[in-house]
PDB file of N, CA and C in Angstrom:
ATOM      1  N   VAL A   1      93.796  67.227  84.990  1.00  0.00           N
ATOM      2  CA  VAL A   1      93.203  65.934  84.561  1.00  0.00           C
ATOM      3  C   VAL A   1      92.069  66.184  83.662  1.00  0.00           C
ATOM      4  N   ARG A   2      91.254  67.192  83.877  1.00  0.00           N
ATOM      5  CA  ARG A   2      90.165  67.346  82.876  1.00  0.00           C
ATOM      6  C   ARG A   2      90.708  67.829  81.425  1.00  0.00           C
ATOM      7  N   ILE A   3      91.917  68.334  81.334  1.00  0.00           N
ATOM      8  CA  ILE A   3      92.406  68.765  80.020  1.00  0.00           C
ATOM      9  C   ILE A   3      92.943  67.336  79.391  1.00  0.00           C
ATOM     10  N   ARG A   4      93.590  66.493  80.121  1.00  0.00           N
ATOM     11  CA  ARG A   4      94.041  65.233  79.773  1.00  0.00           C
ATOM     12  C   ARG A   4      92.985  64.374  79.185  1.00  0.00           C
ATOM     13  N   ASP A   5      91.885  64.332  79.960  1.00  0.00           N
ATOM     14  CA  ASP A   5      90.727  63.515  79.711  1.00  0.00           C
ATOM     15  C   ASP A   5      89.628  64.138  78.736  1.00  0.00           C
ATOM     16  N   ASN A   6      90.148  65.278  78.155  1.00  0.00           N
ATOM     17  CA  ASN A   6      89.235  66.115  77.220  1.00  0.00           C
ATOM     18  C   ASN A   6      87.923  66.304  77.652  1.00  0.00           C
ATOM     19  N   LYS A   7      87.968  66.692  78.983  1.00  0.00           N
ATOM     20  CA  LYS A   7      86.527  67.105  79.479  1.00  0.00           C
ATOM     21  C   LYS A   7      86.404  68.711  79.345  1.00  0.00           C
ATOM     22  N   PRO A   8      85.127  69.107  79.211  1.00  0.00           N
ATOM     23  CA  PRO A   8      84.895  70.543  79.077  1.00  0.00           C
ATOM     24  C   PRO A   8      85.527  71.357  80.300  1.00  0.00           C
ATOM     25  N   SER A   9      86.115  72.325  79.971  1.00  0.00           N
ATOM     26  CA  SER A   9      86.796  73.162  81.126  1.00  0.00           C
ATOM     27  C   SER A   9      85.820  74.220  81.720  1.00  0.00           C
ATOM     28  N   ILE A  10      85.851  74.432  82.946  1.00  0.00           N
ATOM     29  CA  ILE A  10      85.075  75.487  83.610  1.00  0.00           C
ATOM     30  C   ILE A  10      85.879  76.782  83.755  1.00  0.00           C
ATOM     31  N   LEU A  11      87.224  76.602  83.402  1.00  0.00           N
ATOM     32  CA  LEU A  11      87.987  77.819  83.671  1.00  0.00           C
ATOM     33  C   LEU A  11      88.474  78.404  82.331  1.00  0.00           C
ATOM     34  N   TRP A  12      88.434  79.736  82.227  1.00  0.00           N
ATOM     35  CA  TRP A  12      88.883  80.397  80.946  1.00  0.00           C
ATOM     36  C   TRP A  12      90.446  80.346  80.817  1.00  0.00           C
ATOM     37  N   ILE A  13      91.083  80.165  81.850  1.00  0.00           N
ATOM     38  CA  ILE A  13      92.551  80.110  81.814  1.00  0.00           C
ATOM     39  C   ILE A  13      93.093  78.966  81.010  1.00  0.00           C
ATOM     40  N   ASP A  14      92.264  77.769  81.104  1.00  0.00           N
ATOM     41  CA  ASP A  14      92.785  76.530  80.426  1.00  0.00           C
ATOM     42  C   ASP A  14      92.777  76.764  78.868  1.00  0.00           C
ATOM     43  N   ILE A  15      92.013  77.792  78.323  1.00  0.00           N
ATOM     44  CA  ILE A  15      92.159  78.059  76.937  1.00  0.00           C
ATOM     45  C   ILE A  15      93.543  78.703  76.596  1.00  0.00           C
ATOM     46  N   LEU A  16      94.171  79.362  77.463  1.00  0.00           N
ATOM     47  CA  LEU A  16      95.566  79.930  77.166  1.00  0.00           C
ATOM     48  C   LEU A  16      96.572  78.790  77.020  1.00  0.00           C
ATOM     49  N   PHE A  17      96.177  77.651  77.595  1.00  0.00           N
ATOM     50  CA  PHE A  17      97.187  76.470  77.549  1.00  0.00           C
ATOM     51  C   PHE A  17      96.767  75.402  76.548  1.00  0.00           C
ATOM     52  N   THR A  18      95.643  75.421  75.994  1.00  0.00           N
ATOM     53  CA  THR A  18      95.079  74.340  75.099  1.00  0.00           C
ATOM     54  C   THR A  18      94.736  74.800  73.730  1.00  0.00           C
ATOM     55  N   HIS A  19      94.415  76.024  73.493  1.00  0.00           N
ATOM     56  CA  HIS A  19      93.864  76.525  72.191  1.00  0.00           C
ATOM     57  C   HIS A  19      94.764  77.600  71.703  1.00  0.00           C
ATOM     58  N   ASN A  20      94.726  77.733  70.273  1.00  0.00           N
ATOM     59  CA  ASN A  20      95.395  78.863  69.735  1.00  0.00           C
ATOM     60  C   ASN A  20      94.588  80.036  70.059  1.00  0.00           C
ATOM     61  N   VAL A  21      95.232  81.196  70.332  1.00  0.00           N
ATOM     62  CA  VAL A  21      94.419  82.408  70.929  1.00  0.00           C
ATOM     63  C   VAL A  21      94.953  83.573  70.156  1.00  0.00           C
ATOM     64  N   ASP A  22      94.106  84.363  69.598  1.00  0.00           N
ATOM     65  CA  ASP A  22      94.381  85.687  69.130  1.00  0.00           C
ATOM     66  C   ASP A  22      93.886  86.784  70.016  1.00  0.00           C
ATOM     67  N   ILE A  23      94.844  87.542  70.440  1.00  0.00           N
ATOM     68  CA  ILE A  23      94.450  88.765  71.260  1.00  0.00           C
ATOM     69  C   ILE A  23      94.512  90.012  70.316  1.00  0.00           C
ATOM     70  N   ILE A  24      93.275  90.668  70.148  1.00  0.00           N
ATOM     71  CA  ILE A  24      93.088  91.587  69.204  1.00  0.00           C
ATOM     72  C   ILE A  24      92.656  92.920  69.849  1.00  0.00           C
ATOM     73  N   GLY A  25      93.317  93.997  69.542  1.00  0.00           N
ATOM     74  CA  GLY A  25      93.033  95.316  69.915  1.00  0.00           C
ATOM     75  C   GLY A  25      92.974  95.652  71.305  1.00  0.00           C
ATOM     76  N   GLN A  26      93.678  94.907  72.170  1.00  0.00           N
ATOM     77  CA  GLN A  26      93.692  95.102  73.573  1.00  0.00           C
ATOM     78  C   GLN A  26      95.083  95.702  74.055  1.00  0.00           C
ATOM     79  N   ALA A  27      95.067  96.357  75.013  1.00  0.00           N
ATOM     80  CA  ALA A  27      96.337  96.870  75.563  1.00  0.00           C
ATOM     81  C   ALA A  27      96.527  95.944  76.836  1.00  0.00           C
ATOM     82  N   ILE A  28      97.694  95.299  76.810  1.00  0.00           N
ATOM     83  CA  ILE A  28      97.991  94.408  77.976  1.00  0.00           C
ATOM     84  C   ILE A  28      98.793  95.310  78.888  1.00  0.00           C
ATOM     85  N   ASP A  29      98.364  95.990  79.858  1.00  0.00           N
ATOM     86  CA  ASP A  29      99.186  96.856  80.796  1.00  0.00           C
ATOM     87  C   ASP A  29      99.823  95.959  81.658  1.00  0.00           C
ATOM     88  N   PHE A  30     100.841  96.492  82.409  1.00  0.00           N
ATOM     89  CA  PHE A  30     101.620  95.829  83.398  1.00  0.00           C
ATOM     90  C   PHE A  30     100.889  95.663  84.634  1.00  0.00           C
ATOM     91  N   SER A  31      99.743  96.468  84.783  1.00  0.00           N
ATOM     92  CA  SER A  31      98.900  96.297  85.932  1.00  0.00           C
ATOM     93  C   SER A  31      98.020  95.110  85.942  1.00  0.00           C
ATOM     94  N   GLU A  32      97.904  94.458  84.729  1.00  0.00           N
ATOM     95  CA  GLU A  32      97.173  93.211  84.600  1.00  0.00           C
ATOM     96  C   GLU A  32      98.176  92.077  84.948  1.00  0.00           C
ATOM     97  N   ASN A  33      98.545  92.084  86.258  1.00  0.00           N
ATOM     98  CA  ASN A  33      99.614  91.087  86.660  1.00  0.00           C
ATOM     99  C   ASN A  33      99.173  89.667  86.535  1.00  0.00           C
ATOM    100  N   HIS A  34      97.819  89.430  86.711  1.00  0.00           N
ATOM    101  CA  HIS A  34      97.269  88.030  86.571  1.00  0.00           C
ATOM    102  C   HIS A  34      97.574  87.502  85.121  1.00  0.00           C
ATOM    103  N   LEU A  35      97.461  88.254  84.121  1.00  0.00           N
ATOM    104  CA  LEU A  35      97.662  87.811  82.739  1.00  0.00           C
ATOM    105  C   LEU A  35      99.173  87.496  82.615  1.00  0.00           C
ATOM    106  N   TRP A  36      99.973  88.399  83.097  1.00  0.00           N
ATOM    107  CA  TRP A  36     101.459  88.279  82.976  1.00  0.00           C
ATOM    108  C   TRP A  36     101.937  87.243  83.700  1.00  0.00           C
ATOM    109  N   TRP A  37     101.460  86.694  84.878  1.00  0.00           N
ATOM    110  CA  TRP A  37     101.808  85.551  85.517  1.00  0.00           C
ATOM    111  C   TRP A  37     101.372  84.343  84.840  1.00  0.00           C
ATOM    112  N   ILE A  38     100.221  84.369  84.257  1.00  0.00           N
ATOM    113  CA  ILE A  38      99.822  83.188  83.427  1.00  0.00           C
ATOM    114  C   ILE A  38     100.622  82.843  82.253  1.00  0.00           C
ATOM    115  N   PHE A  39     100.969  84.055  81.441  1.00  0.00           N
ATOM    116  CA  PHE A  39     101.918  84.017  80.370  1.00  0.00           C
ATOM    117  C   PHE A  39     103.223  83.422  80.674  1.00  0.00           C
ATOM    118  N   ASN A  40     103.729  84.053  81.838  1.00  0.00           N
ATOM    119  CA  ASN A  40     105.133  83.515  82.311  1.00  0.00           C
ATOM    120  C   ASN A  40     105.079  82.073  82.698  1.00  0.00           C
ATOM    121  N   TYR A  41     103.985  81.667  83.350  1.00  0.00           N
ATOM    122  CA  TYR A  41     104.008  80.310  83.829  1.00  0.00           C
ATOM    123  C   TYR A  41     103.859  79.244  82.551  1.00  0.00           C
ATOM    124  N   ARG A  42     102.984  79.747  81.653  1.00  0.00           N
ATOM    125  CA  ARG A  42     102.922  79.050  80.345  1.00  0.00           C
ATOM    126  C   ARG A  42     104.206  78.866  79.678  1.00  0.00           C
ATOM    127  N   ALA A  43     104.926  79.965  79.472  1.00  0.00           N
ATOM    128  CA  ALA A  43     106.255  79.957  78.878  1.00  0.00           C
ATOM    129  C   ALA A  43     107.137  78.938  79.460  1.00  0.00           C
ATOM    130  N   ASN A  44     107.253  79.160  80.824  1.00  0.00           N
ATOM    131  CA  ASN A  44     108.135  78.206  81.532  1.00  0.00           C
ATOM    132  C   ASN A  44     107.982  76.702  81.440  1.00  0.00           C
ATOM    133  N   LEU A  45     106.556  76.350  81.434  1.00  0.00           N
ATOM    134  CA  LEU A  45     106.151  74.992  81.145  1.00  0.00           C
ATOM    135  C   LEU A  45     106.618  74.539  79.715  1.00  0.00           C
ATOM    136  N   ILE A  46     106.385  75.435  78.731  1.00  0.00           N
ATOM    137  CA  ILE A  46     106.869  75.008  77.359  1.00  0.00           C
ATOM    138  C   ILE A  46     108.339  74.825  77.274  1.00  0.00           C
ATOM    139  N   ARG A  47     109.124  75.919  77.940  1.00  0.00           N
ATOM    140  CA  ARG A  47     110.624  75.758  77.858  1.00  0.00           C
ATOM    141  C   ARG A  47     111.181  74.472  78.475  1.00  0.00           C
ATOM    142  N   GLN A  48     110.537  74.090  79.554  1.00  0.00           N
ATOM    143  CA  GLN A  48     111.055  72.924  80.288  1.00  0.00           C
ATOM    144  C   GLN A  48     110.468  71.692  79.771  1.00  0.00           C
ATOM    145  N   GLY A  49     109.549  71.834  78.707  1.00  0.00           N
ATOM    146  CA  GLY A  49     108.969  70.594  78.115  1.00  0.00           C
ATOM    147  C   GLY A  49     108.008  69.697  79.064  1.00  0.00           C
ATOM    148  N   ILE A  50     107.597  70.547  80.054  1.00  0.00           N
ATOM    149  CA  ILE A  50     106.619  69.932  81.065  1.00  0.00           C
ATOM    150  C   ILE A  50     105.216  69.921  80.546  1.00  0.00           C
ATOM    151  N   THR A  51     104.685  68.859  80.810  1.00  0.00           N
ATOM    152  CA  THR A  51     103.058  68.724  80.392  1.00  0.00           C
ATOM    153  C   THR A  51     102.358  69.201  81.495  1.00  0.00           C
ATOM    154  N   LYS A  52     101.242  69.808  81.123  1.00  0.00           N
ATOM    155  CA  LYS A  52     100.167  70.284  82.077  1.00  0.00           C
ATOM    156  C   LYS A  52      99.187  69.219  82.280  1.00  0.00           C
ATOM    157  N   ASN A  53      99.202  68.551  83.406  1.00  0.00           N
ATOM    158  CA  ASN A  53      98.315  67.394  83.608  1.00  0.00           C
ATOM    159  C   ASN A  53      98.264  66.439  82.472  1.00  0.00           C
ATOM    160  N   GLY A  54      99.472  65.976  82.056  1.00  0.00           N
ATOM    161  CA  GLY A  54      99.532  65.017  81.035  1.00  0.00           C
ATOM    162  C   GLY A  54      99.417  65.470  79.557  1.00  0.00           C
ATOM    163  N   VAL A  55      99.161  66.885  79.462  1.00  0.00           N
ATOM    164  CA  VAL A  55      99.117  67.376  78.084  1.00  0.00           C
ATOM    165  C   VAL A  55     100.204  68.382  77.883  1.00  0.00           C
ATOM    166  N   ARG A  56     100.897  68.122  76.612  1.00  0.00           N
ATOM    167  CA  ARG A  56     102.018  69.000  76.165  1.00  0.00           C
ATOM    168  C   ARG A  56     101.382  70.422  75.600  1.00  0.00           C
ATOM    169  N   ILE A  57     101.949  71.421  76.085  1.00  0.00           N
ATOM    170  CA  ILE A  57     101.433  72.755  75.668  1.00  0.00           C
ATOM    171  C   ILE A  57     102.181  73.085  74.375  1.00  0.00           C
ATOM    172  N   ASN A  58     101.405  73.236  73.367  1.00  0.00           N
ATOM    173  CA  ASN A  58     101.933  73.421  72.085  1.00  0.00           C
ATOM    174  C   ASN A  58     100.903  74.374  71.316  1.00  0.00           C
ATOM    175  N   ASN A  59     100.347  75.157  71.889  1.00  0.00           N
ATOM    176  CA  ASN A  59      99.348  76.104  71.257  1.00  0.00           C
ATOM    177  C   ASN A  59     100.075  77.452  70.981  1.00  0.00           C
ATOM    178  N   ARG A  60      99.547  78.230  70.114  1.00  0.00           N
ATOM    179  CA  ARG A  60     100.010  79.620  69.699  1.00  0.00           C
ATOM    180  C   ARG A  60      99.130  80.760  70.255  1.00  0.00           C
ATOM    181  N   ILE A  61      99.824  81.725  70.784  1.00  0.00           N
ATOM    182  CA  ILE A  61      99.110  82.959  71.159  1.00  0.00           C
ATOM    183  C   ILE A  61      99.660  84.072  70.373  1.00  0.00           C
ATOM    184  N   ARG A  62      98.789  84.789  69.702  1.00  0.00           N
ATOM    185  CA  ARG A  62      99.284  85.957  68.941  1.00  0.00           C
ATOM    186  C   ARG A  62      98.642  87.146  69.494  1.00  0.00           C
ATOM    187  N   PHE A  63      99.407  88.225  69.604  1.00  0.00           N
ATOM    188  CA  PHE A  63      98.837  89.646  70.119  1.00  0.00           C
ATOM    189  C   PHE A  63      99.030  90.613  68.884  1.00  0.00           C
ATOM    190  N   PHE A  64      97.821  91.089  68.492  1.00  0.00           N
ATOM    191  CA  PHE A  64      97.699  91.976  67.325  1.00  0.00           C
ATOM    192  C   PHE A  64      97.501  93.245  67.820  1.00  0.00           C
ATOM    193  N   TYR A  65      98.376  94.375  67.364  1.00  0.00           N
ATOM    194  CA  TYR A  65      98.150  95.651  67.628  1.00  0.00           C
ATOM    195  C   TYR A  65      98.302  96.524  66.550  1.00  0.00           C
ATOM    196  N   ALA A  66      97.822  97.708  66.577  1.00  0.00           N
ATOM    197  CA  ALA A  66      97.743  98.733  65.577  1.00  0.00           C
ATOM    198  C   ALA A  66      99.156  99.481  65.626  1.00  0.00           C
ATOM    199  N   LYS A  67      99.911  99.640  64.533  1.00  0.00           N
ATOM    200  CA  LYS A  67     101.062 100.510  64.449  1.00  0.00           C
ATOM    201  C   LYS A  67     100.549 101.764  63.698  1.00  0.00           C
ATOM    202  N   LEU A  68     100.067 102.751  64.249  1.00  0.00           N
ATOM    203  CA  LEU A  68      99.657 103.812  63.450  1.00  0.00           C
ATOM    204  C   LEU A  68     100.676 104.672  62.960  1.00  0.00           C
ATOM    205  N   TYR A  69     100.677 104.945  61.632  1.00  0.00           N
ATOM    206  CA  TYR A  69     101.695 105.799  60.863  1.00  0.00           C
ATOM    207  C   TYR A  69     101.931 107.050  61.628  1.00  0.00           C
ATOM    208  N   ASN A  70     100.816 107.798  61.952  1.00  0.00           N
ATOM    209  CA  ASN A  70     100.929 109.068  62.520  1.00  0.00           C
ATOM    210  C   ASN A  70     101.499 109.161  63.931  1.00  0.00           C
ATOM    211  N   ASP A  71     101.531 107.990  64.671  1.00  0.00           N
ATOM    212  CA  ASP A  71     102.128 107.926  65.882  1.00  0.00           C
ATOM    213  C   ASP A  71     103.605 108.233  65.920  1.00  0.00           C
ATOM    214  N   ASN A  72     104.168 107.956  64.855  1.00  0.00           N
ATOM    215  CA  ASN A  72     105.695 108.239  64.558  1.00  0.00           C
ATOM    216  C   ASN A  72     106.109 109.674  64.346  1.00  0.00           C
ATOM    217  N   LEU A  73     104.980 110.356  63.886  1.00  0.00           N
ATOM    218  CA  LEU A  73     105.221 111.724  63.548  1.00  0.00           C
ATOM    219  C   LEU A  73     104.994 112.721  64.961  1.00  0.00           C
ATOM    220  N   ILE A  74     105.879 113.340  65.315  1.00  0.00           N
ATOM    221  CA  ILE A  74     105.833 114.262  66.449  1.00  0.00           C
ATOM    222  C   ILE A  74     106.292 115.468  66.074  1.00  0.00           C
ATOM    223  N   ASP A  75     105.364 116.437  66.218  1.00  0.00           N
ATOM    224  CA  ASP A  75     105.489 117.974  65.939  1.00  0.00           C
ATOM    225  C   ASP A  75     105.974 118.610  67.202  1.00  0.00           C
ATOM    226  N   VAL A  76     107.274 118.757  67.536  1.00  0.00           N
ATOM    227  CA  VAL A  76     107.880 119.257  68.736  1.00  0.00           C
ATOM    228  C   VAL A  76     107.393 120.707  69.036  1.00  0.00           C
ATOM    229  N   ASN A  77     107.088 121.367  68.067  1.00  0.00           N
ATOM    230  CA  ASN A  77     106.730 122.726  68.178  1.00  0.00           C
ATOM    231  C   ASN A  77     105.148 122.801  68.622  1.00  0.00           C
ATOM    232  N   ARG A  78     104.525 121.851  68.383  1.00  0.00           N
ATOM    233  CA  ARG A  78     103.080 121.821  68.735  1.00  0.00           C
ATOM    234  C   ARG A  78     102.647 121.311  70.183  1.00  0.00           C
ATOM    235  N   LEU A  79     103.565 120.375  70.600  1.00  0.00           N
ATOM    236  CA  LEU A  79     103.394 119.681  71.832  1.00  0.00           C
ATOM    237  C   LEU A  79     104.199 120.329  73.012  1.00  0.00           C
ATOM    238  N   SER A  80     103.561 120.209  74.260  1.00  0.00           N
ATOM    239  CA  SER A  80     104.182 120.668  75.340  1.00  0.00           C
ATOM    240  C   SER A  80     105.244 119.714  75.943  1.00  0.00           C
ATOM    241  N   LEU A  81     106.039 120.083  76.768  1.00  0.00           N
ATOM    242  CA  LEU A  81     107.089 119.192  77.274  1.00  0.00           C
ATOM    243  C   LEU A  81     106.487 117.990  77.949  1.00  0.00           C
ATOM    244  N   ASP A  82     105.474 118.160  78.649  1.00  0.00           N
ATOM    245  CA  ASP A  82     104.736 117.051  79.370  1.00  0.00           C
ATOM    246  C   ASP A  82     104.176 116.141  78.335  1.00  0.00           C
ATOM    247  N   GLU A  83     103.708 116.520  77.165  1.00  0.00           N
ATOM    248  CA  GLU A  83     103.127 115.655  76.143  1.00  0.00           C
ATOM    249  C   GLU A  83     104.301 114.903  75.573  1.00  0.00           C
ATOM    250  N   LEU A  84     105.441 115.622  75.239  1.00  0.00           N
ATOM    251  CA  LEU A  84     106.520 114.963  74.706  1.00  0.00           C
ATOM    252  C   LEU A  84     107.121 113.880  75.473  1.00  0.00           C
ATOM    253  N   ILE A  85     107.202 114.070  76.863  1.00  0.00           N
ATOM    254  CA  ILE A  85     107.723 113.025  77.860  1.00  0.00           C
ATOM    255  C   ILE A  85     106.668 111.994  77.920  1.00  0.00           C
ATOM    256  N   TRP A  86     105.423 112.267  77.881  1.00  0.00           N
ATOM    257  CA  TRP A  86     104.295 111.084  77.863  1.00  0.00           C
ATOM    258  C   TRP A  86     104.443 110.350  76.684  1.00  0.00           C
ATOM    259  N   ARG A  87     104.670 110.923  75.391  1.00  0.00           N
ATOM    260  CA  ARG A  87     104.830 110.171  74.251  1.00  0.00           C
ATOM    261  C   ARG A  87     106.074 109.219  74.197  1.00  0.00           C
ATOM    262  N   LYS A  88     107.184 109.770  74.839  1.00  0.00           N
ATOM    263  CA  LYS A  88     108.543 109.045  74.823  1.00  0.00           C
ATOM    264  C   LYS A  88     108.228 107.846  75.700  1.00  0.00           C
ATOM    265  N   ASN A  89     107.701 108.042  76.932  1.00  0.00           N
ATOM    266  CA  ASN A  89     107.402 106.943  77.807  1.00  0.00           C
ATOM    267  C   ASN A  89     106.504 106.007  77.376  1.00  0.00           C
ATOM    268  N   SER A  90     105.380 106.319  76.631  1.00  0.00           N
ATOM    269  CA  SER A  90     104.526 105.557  76.117  1.00  0.00           C
ATOM    270  C   SER A  90     105.165 104.594  74.955  1.00  0.00           C
ATOM    271  N   ALA A  91     105.846 105.121  74.229  1.00  0.00           N
ATOM    272  CA  ALA A  91     106.721 104.375  73.176  1.00  0.00           C
ATOM    273  C   ALA A  91     107.567 103.374  73.842  1.00  0.00           C
ATOM    274  N   GLN A  92     108.287 103.871  74.853  1.00  0.00           N
ATOM    275  CA  GLN A  92     109.190 102.830  75.545  1.00  0.00           C
ATOM    276  C   GLN A  92     108.508 101.746  76.205  1.00  0.00           C
ATOM    277  N   LYS A  93     107.237 102.036  76.870  1.00  0.00           N
ATOM    278  CA  LYS A  93     106.449 101.085  77.462  1.00  0.00           C
ATOM    279  C   LYS A  93     106.014 100.081  76.451  1.00  0.00           C
ATOM    280  N   SER A  94     105.479 100.474  75.173  1.00  0.00           N
ATOM    281  CA  SER A  94     104.966  99.626  74.256  1.00  0.00           C
ATOM    282  C   SER A  94     106.195  98.705  73.814  1.00  0.00           C
ATOM    283  N   LYS A  95     107.424  99.295  73.675  1.00  0.00           N
ATOM    284  CA  LYS A  95     108.299  98.365  73.180  1.00  0.00           C
ATOM    285  C   LYS A  95     108.749  97.255  74.276  1.00  0.00           C
ATOM    286  N   ALA A  96     108.687  97.852  75.454  1.00  0.00           N
ATOM    287  CA  ALA A  96     109.074  96.745  76.460  1.00  0.00           C
ATOM    288  C   ALA A  96     107.991  95.631  76.574  1.00  0.00           C
ATOM    289  N   ILE A  97     106.539  95.985  76.382  1.00  0.00           N
ATOM    290  CA  ILE A  97     105.634  95.002  76.370  1.00  0.00           C
ATOM    291  C   ILE A  97     105.855  94.056  75.308  1.00  0.00           C
ATOM    292  N   GLY A  98     106.189  94.512  74.105  1.00  0.00           N
ATOM    293  CA  GLY A  98     106.525  93.625  72.933  1.00  0.00           C
ATOM    294  C   GLY A  98     107.635  92.671  73.196  1.00  0.00           C
ATOM    295  N   GLN A  99     108.692  93.277  73.752  1.00  0.00           N
ATOM    296  CA  GLN A  99     109.834  92.320  74.237  1.00  0.00           C
ATOM    297  C   GLN A  99     109.450  91.235  75.247  1.00  0.00           C
ATOM    298  N   ILE A 100     108.637  91.668  76.120  1.00  0.00           N
ATOM    299  CA  ILE A 100     108.180  90.624  77.181  1.00  0.00           C
ATOM    300  C   ILE A 100     107.365  89.586  76.587  1.00  0.00           C
ATOM    301  N   LEU A 101     106.506  90.095  75.785  1.00  0.00           N
ATOM    302  CA  LEU A 101     105.662  89.185  74.944  1.00  0.00           C
ATOM    303  C   LEU A 101     106.369  88.080  74.359  1.00  0.00           C
ATOM    304  N   LYS A 102     107.392  88.510  73.435  1.00  0.00           N
ATOM    305  CA  LYS A 102     108.139  87.438  72.843  1.00  0.00           C
ATOM    306  C   LYS A 102     108.917  86.596  73.840  1.00  0.00           C
ATOM    307  N   ALA A 103     109.374  87.048  74.999  1.00  0.00           N
ATOM    308  CA  ALA A 103     110.014  86.274  76.043  1.00  0.00           C
ATOM    309  C   ALA A 103     109.007  85.195  76.503  1.00  0.00           C
ATOM    310  N   PHE A 104     107.833  85.569  76.491  1.00  0.00           N
ATOM    311  CA  PHE A 104     106.802  84.666  77.018  1.00  0.00           C
ATOM    312  C   PHE A 104     106.100  83.974  75.941  1.00  0.00           C
ATOM    313  N   LEU A 105     106.834  83.751  74.892  1.00  0.00           N
ATOM    314  CA  LEU A 105     106.419  82.936  73.711  1.00  0.00           C
ATOM    315  C   LEU A 105     105.051  83.391  73.147  1.00  0.00           C
ATOM    316  N   ILE A 106     104.838  84.729  73.151  1.00  0.00           N
ATOM    317  CA  ILE A 106     103.539  85.168  72.556  1.00  0.00           C
ATOM    318  C   ILE A 106     104.037  86.028  71.464  1.00  0.00           C
ATOM    319  N   GLU A 107     103.538  85.781  70.132  1.00  0.00           N
ATOM    320  CA  GLU A 107     103.890  86.543  68.981  1.00  0.00           C
ATOM    321  C   GLU A 107     103.189  87.883  68.797  1.00  0.00           C
ATOM    322  N   PRO A 108     103.869  88.999  69.079  1.00  0.00           N
ATOM    323  CA  PRO A 108     103.344  90.313  68.747  1.00  0.00           C
ATOM    324  C   PRO A 108     103.304  90.682  67.310  1.00  0.00           C
ATOM    325  N   ILE A 109     102.163  91.020  66.769  1.00  0.00           N
ATOM    326  CA  ILE A 109     102.113  91.384  65.347  1.00  0.00           C
ATOM    327  C   ILE A 109     101.551  92.751  65.141  1.00  0.00           C
ATOM    328  N   GLY A 110     102.392  93.703  64.757  1.00  0.00           N
ATOM    329  CA  GLY A 110     102.053  94.841  64.635  1.00  0.00           C
ATOM    330  C   GLY A 110     101.443  95.213  63.121  1.00  0.00           C
ATOM    331  N   ILE A 111     100.302  95.792  63.039  1.00  0.00           N
ATOM    332  CA  ILE A 111      99.631  95.983  61.729  1.00  0.00           C
ATOM    333  C   ILE A 111      99.730  97.532  61.355  1.00  0.00           C
ATOM    334  N   GLU A 112     100.421  97.798  60.309  1.00  0.00           N
ATOM    335  CA  GLU A 112     100.619  99.309  60.059  1.00  0.00           C
ATOM    336  C   GLU A 112      99.412  99.698  59.432  1.00  0.00           C
ATOM    337  N   CYS A 113      98.962 100.960  59.812  1.00  0.00           N
ATOM    338  CA  CYS A 113      97.680 101.575  59.430  1.00  0.00           C
ATOM    339  C   CYS A 113      97.629 103.040  59.790  1.00  0.00           C
ATOM    340  N   ASN A 114      96.590 103.734  59.254  1.00  0.00           N
ATOM    341  CA  ASN A 114      96.420 105.077  59.652  1.00  0.00           C
ATOM    342  C   ASN A 114      95.354 105.299  60.678  1.00  0.00           C
ATOM    343  N   THR A 115      94.428 104.359  60.762  1.00  0.00           N
ATOM    344  CA  THR A 115      93.252 104.434  61.746  1.00  0.00           C
ATOM    345  C   THR A 115      93.017 103.014  62.233  1.00  0.00           C
ATOM    346  N   HIS A 116      92.344 103.138  63.335  1.00  0.00           N
ATOM    347  CA  HIS A 116      91.925 101.782  64.063  1.00  0.00           C
ATOM    348  C   HIS A 116      90.973 101.018  63.141  1.00  0.00           C
ATOM    349  N   GLU A 117      90.240 101.781  62.370  1.00  0.00           N
ATOM    350  CA  GLU A 117      89.344 100.984  61.425  1.00  0.00           C
ATOM    351  C   GLU A 117      90.112 100.353  60.415  1.00  0.00           C
ATOM    352  N   GLU A 118      91.089 100.933  59.869  1.00  0.00           N
ATOM    353  CA  GLU A 118      91.882 100.326  58.845  1.00  0.00           C
ATOM    354  C   GLU A 118      92.718  99.046  59.434  1.00  0.00           C
ATOM    355  N   PHE A 119      93.006  99.231  60.904  1.00  0.00           N
ATOM    356  CA  PHE A 119      93.654  98.148  61.522  1.00  0.00           C
ATOM    357  C   PHE A 119      92.783  96.818  61.469  1.00  0.00           C
ATOM    358  N   TYR A 120      91.570  96.995  61.738  1.00  0.00           N
ATOM    359  CA  TYR A 120      90.665  95.807  61.866  1.00  0.00           C
ATOM    360  C   TYR A 120      90.516  95.308  60.321  1.00  0.00           C
ATOM    361  N   ASP A 121      90.296  96.223  59.453  1.00  0.00           N
ATOM    362  CA  ASP A 121      90.198  95.709  57.987  1.00  0.00           C
ATOM    363  C   ASP A 121      91.388  94.907  57.590  1.00  0.00           C
ATOM    364  N   LYS A 122      92.540  95.391  57.926  1.00  0.00           N
ATOM    365  CA  LYS A 122      93.842  94.748  57.511  1.00  0.00           C
ATOM    366  C   LYS A 122      93.882  93.401  58.309  1.00  0.00           C
ATOM    367  N   LEU A 123      93.549  93.392  59.471  1.00  0.00           N
ATOM    368  CA  LEU A 123      93.515  92.209  60.355  1.00  0.00           C
ATOM    369  C   LEU A 123      92.702  91.208  59.735  1.00  0.00           C
ATOM    370  N   ILE A 124      91.443  91.446  59.470  1.00  0.00           N
ATOM    371  CA  ILE A 124      90.596  90.489  59.002  1.00  0.00           C
ATOM    372  C   ILE A 124      90.951  89.979  57.535  1.00  0.00           C
ATOM    373  N   ASP A 125      91.423  90.888  56.670  1.00  0.00           N
ATOM    374  CA  ASP A 125      91.779  90.437  55.371  1.00  0.00           C
ATOM    375  C   ASP A 125      93.051  89.625  55.322  1.00  0.00           C
ATOM    376  N   ASN A 126      94.020  89.915  56.219  1.00  0.00           N
ATOM    377  CA  ASN A 126      95.331  89.355  56.131  1.00  0.00           C
ATOM    378  C   ASN A 126      95.470  88.190  57.184  1.00  0.00           C
ATOM    379  N   TYR A 127      94.814  88.011  58.175  1.00  0.00           N
ATOM    380  CA  TYR A 127      95.124  87.113  59.249  1.00  0.00           C
ATOM    381  C   TYR A 127      94.010  86.176  59.680  1.00  0.00           C
ATOM    382  N   LEU A 128      92.783  86.696  59.493  1.00  0.00           N
ATOM    383  CA  LEU A 128      91.610  85.907  60.032  1.00  0.00           C
ATOM    384  C   LEU A 128      90.772  85.265  59.021  1.00  0.00           C
ATOM    385  N   LYS A 129      91.151  85.163  57.782  1.00  0.00           N
ATOM    386  CA  LYS A 129      90.361  84.554  56.849  1.00  0.00           C
ATOM    387  C   LYS A 129      90.776  83.101  56.666  1.00  0.00           C
TER     388      LYS A 129
END
């Protein structure tokens, strides 16, 4: 009701249903099940065309992440078997998170860069101006 009546919200969760949101430089791990539940709930409401307390959900959520060039380069002679397995699992987990974000109507945007500093520079120059 407070959203429909345009009253100030006391809950941060409302922002995920009412405003465009950019998530920047965060890792959304599967252990953050409260966020995944909210994202899933929001996507289901959008797909069903259901309004949330009389307000249609039509906001955009974008998830920006760094795609580091050197992350794709693996020197198998330099890494131990444990490190190789960890990198492989990490890559598969990142891919899965991206696929789930898309399924939850959140736009994952990878920014190719060499460093995290370059990531933020490109983000500001290309997306946040």
